[in-house]
Amino acid sequence: MPHAVIGLGANLGDPAAQLRAAIAAIGTLPGTRVLAVSSFYRTAPVGVAAQPDFVNAAVAIDTALAPRALLAALAGLERAAGRERTRAGAPRPLDLDILLYGERVVDEPDLRIPHPRLHERAFALAPLIEVAPGAVVPGRGPAADLLARCAGQRIERV
């Protein structure tokens, strides 16, 4: 089964509880097994600053789901948690992103792997490195090197 890493984030309701529930739900997806779960991190919002801080994490999984099927399943989990896609950068009860899917690169209008801004976001890179210490972001390089370039972003383990 392919190895993938999912980034999780939330800043509405009880973000830590939302992430714990999402991690459990990811483990119930068809042909999917959670291999590792990162610490939770409190992070400043990126883009739209006038909103609560986020809690972010990452999970490493083995999955039989193809990338598009995994994306659809994750979107279903977001909807079940109350996510409404009203505008980019809006506060949300749950955000699930495919950060990496093995070494695959997918560039389609509604599916991009690796996540297109992964390389510039400490809130995604720090948990990614925790669950996949040697991770390399295709086309960008080692995740640890990319995280070092994000030194000015506020992120703290909770």
Protein backbone atom coordinates (compact mmCIF):
# COMPACT_ATOMS: atom_id res chain seq x y z
CA MET A 1 0.00 0.00 0.00
CA PRO A 2 1.26 3.53 -0.70
CA HIS A 3 2.57 5.61 2.17
CA ALA A 4 0.95 9.04 2.49
CA VAL A 5 1.01 11.90 4.97
CA ILE A 6 -2.12 13.87 5.80
CA GLY A 7 -1.95 17.34 7.34
CA LEU A 8 -4.69 18.25 9.81
CA GLY A 9 -5.76 21.65 11.09
CA ALA A 10 -8.64 23.26 12.95
CA ASN A 11 -9.39 26.59 14.60
CA LEU A 12 -13.11 26.49 15.42
CA GLY A 13 -14.89 24.70 18.25
CA ASP A 14 -12.49 22.42 20.15
CA PRO A 15 -9.63 22.07 17.64
CA ALA A 16 -7.74 19.36 19.55
CA ALA A 17 -10.90 17.25 19.87
CA GLN A 18 -11.63 17.77 16.16
CA LEU A 19 -8.14 16.53 15.26
CA ARG A 20 -8.40 13.48 17.53
CA ALA A 21 -11.76 12.57 15.97
CA ALA A 22 -10.36 13.07 12.46
CA ILE A 23 -7.35 10.87 13.18
CA ALA A 24 -9.66 8.10 14.40
CA ALA A 25 -11.87 8.53 11.31
CA ILE A 26 -8.88 8.42 8.94
CA GLY A 27 -7.99 5.05 10.45
CA THR A 28 -11.42 3.72 9.44
CA LEU A 29 -11.15 4.66 5.75
CA PRO A 30 -11.20 1.61 3.44
CA GLY A 31 -7.82 -0.07 3.17
CA THR A 32 -6.19 2.56 5.39
CA ARG A 33 -4.06 2.19 8.50
CA VAL A 34 -2.61 5.00 10.63
CA LEU A 35 1.12 4.43 11.12
CA ALA A 36 2.16 7.51 13.12
CA VAL A 37 0.59 10.62 14.61
CA SER A 38 2.52 13.82 15.29
CA SER A 39 2.28 16.07 18.29
CA PHE A 40 -0.28 18.84 18.11
CA TYR A 41 1.03 22.33 17.34
CA ARG A 42 -0.54 25.73 18.00
CA THR A 43 0.12 27.98 15.02
CA ALA A 44 -0.71 31.44 13.81
CA PRO A 45 -3.16 31.65 10.90
CA VAL A 46 -1.59 32.24 7.50
CA GLY A 47 -3.21 34.65 5.07
CA VAL A 48 -6.28 35.81 7.02
CA ALA A 49 -4.89 36.89 10.40
CA ALA A 50 -8.13 38.03 12.09
CA GLN A 51 -9.11 34.56 13.32
CA PRO A 52 -8.21 32.15 16.14
CA ASP A 53 -4.93 30.26 16.16
CA PHE A 54 -4.93 26.81 14.59
CA VAL A 55 -4.05 23.47 16.05
CA ASN A 56 -2.17 21.39 13.45
CA ALA A 57 -0.86 17.84 13.23
CA ALA A 58 0.04 15.17 10.69
CA VAL A 59 -0.64 11.47 10.31
CA ALA A 60 1.37 8.99 8.28
CA ILE A 61 -0.82 6.30 6.72
CA ASP A 62 -0.69 3.26 4.53
CA THR A 63 -3.67 3.27 2.20
CA ALA A 64 -5.08 1.31 -0.68
CA LEU A 65 -7.00 4.43 -1.76
CA ALA A 66 -5.73 6.16 -4.89
CA PRO A 67 -4.97 9.88 -4.46
CA ARG A 68 -8.31 11.09 -5.86
CA ALA A 69 -10.29 8.58 -3.73
CA LEU A 70 -8.29 9.62 -0.67
CA LEU A 71 -9.03 13.29 -1.40
CA ALA A 72 -12.77 12.53 -1.69
CA ALA A 73 -12.74 10.56 1.56
CA LEU A 74 -10.96 13.38 3.39
CA ALA A 75 -13.44 15.93 2.02
CA GLY A 76 -16.24 13.75 3.39
CA LEU A 77 -14.63 13.79 6.83
CA GLU A 78 -14.33 17.59 6.65
CA ARG A 79 -18.03 17.92 5.76
CA ALA A 80 -19.00 15.56 8.59
CA ALA A 81 -17.08 17.83 10.98
CA GLY A 82 -19.06 20.85 9.76
CA ARG A 83 -16.63 22.33 7.26
CA GLU A 84 -18.19 24.72 4.77
CA ARG A 85 -15.97 26.11 2.03
CA THR A 86 -17.15 29.72 2.02
CA ARG A 87 -13.90 31.51 1.16
CA ALA A 88 -10.19 30.81 1.05
CA GLY A 89 -8.49 31.16 4.41
CA ALA A 90 -11.75 31.15 6.39
CA PRO A 91 -11.76 29.71 9.93
CA ARG A 92 -12.73 26.04 9.93
CA PRO A 93 -13.58 23.18 12.25
CA LEU A 94 -11.40 20.79 10.23
CA ASP A 95 -8.97 20.97 7.33
CA LEU A 96 -7.42 17.80 5.89
CA ASP A 97 -4.75 17.97 3.19
CA ILE A 98 -2.74 15.30 1.41
CA LEU A 99 0.79 16.57 2.02
CA LEU A 100 2.62 13.66 0.40
CA TYR A 101 1.57 10.48 -1.36
CA GLY A 102 4.72 8.41 -1.60
CA GLU A 103 6.97 10.09 -4.13
CA ARG A 104 4.09 10.84 -6.49
CA VAL A 105 3.58 14.23 -8.04
CA VAL A 106 0.02 15.05 -9.11
CA ASP A 107 -0.81 18.37 -10.77
CA GLU A 108 -4.50 18.54 -11.61
CA PRO A 109 -6.83 21.52 -11.15
CA ASP A 110 -8.37 20.20 -7.92
CA LEU A 111 -5.62 17.84 -6.73
CA ARG A 112 -2.00 18.80 -6.24
CA ILE A 113 0.49 16.53 -4.52
CA PRO A 114 2.72 17.42 -2.83
CA HIS A 115 0.56 20.12 -1.28
CA PRO A 116 1.45 23.24 -3.31
CA ARG A 117 2.45 25.41 -0.34
CA LEU A 118 3.87 22.68 1.89
CA HIS A 119 7.43 23.91 1.37
CA GLU A 120 6.68 27.33 2.89
CA ARG A 121 4.52 26.40 5.90
CA ALA A 122 6.05 25.51 9.24
CA PHE A 123 2.63 24.37 10.52
CA ALA A 124 2.69 21.54 7.96
CA LEU A 125 6.42 20.80 7.83
CA ALA A 126 7.06 20.39 11.58
CA PRO A 127 4.39 17.69 12.06
CA LEU A 128 5.37 16.07 8.74
CA ILE A 129 8.95 15.68 9.91
CA GLU A 130 7.74 14.19 13.18
CA VAL A 131 5.87 11.34 11.42
CA ALA A 132 8.30 11.00 8.50
CA PRO A 133 11.73 12.26 9.68
CA GLY A 134 13.49 11.71 6.36
CA ALA A 135 10.68 13.13 4.22
CA VAL A 136 11.63 14.72 0.93
CA VAL A 137 9.16 17.04 -0.76
CA PRO A 138 9.31 16.18 -4.49
CA GLY A 139 10.72 19.09 -6.46
CA ARG A 140 11.64 21.00 -3.28
CA GLY A 141 14.06 18.90 -1.22
CA PRO A 142 14.34 17.56 2.32
CA ALA A 143 11.49 18.68 4.57
CA ALA A 144 13.95 19.50 7.37
CA ASP A 145 15.78 21.98 5.11
CA LEU A 146 12.47 23.55 4.09
CA LEU A 147 11.40 23.93 7.73
CA ALA A 148 14.64 25.77 8.53
CA ARG A 149 13.62 28.41 5.95
CA CYS A 150 10.32 28.98 7.85
CA ALA A 151 12.05 30.06 11.06
CA GLY A 152 10.01 33.28 11.38
CA GLN A 153 6.63 31.52 11.60
CA ARG A 154 5.07 31.10 15.05
CA ILE A 155 4.56 27.45 15.94
CA GLU A 156 4.60 25.77 19.34
CA ARG A 157 4.07 22.17 20.39
CA VAL A 158 1.04 21.77 22.70
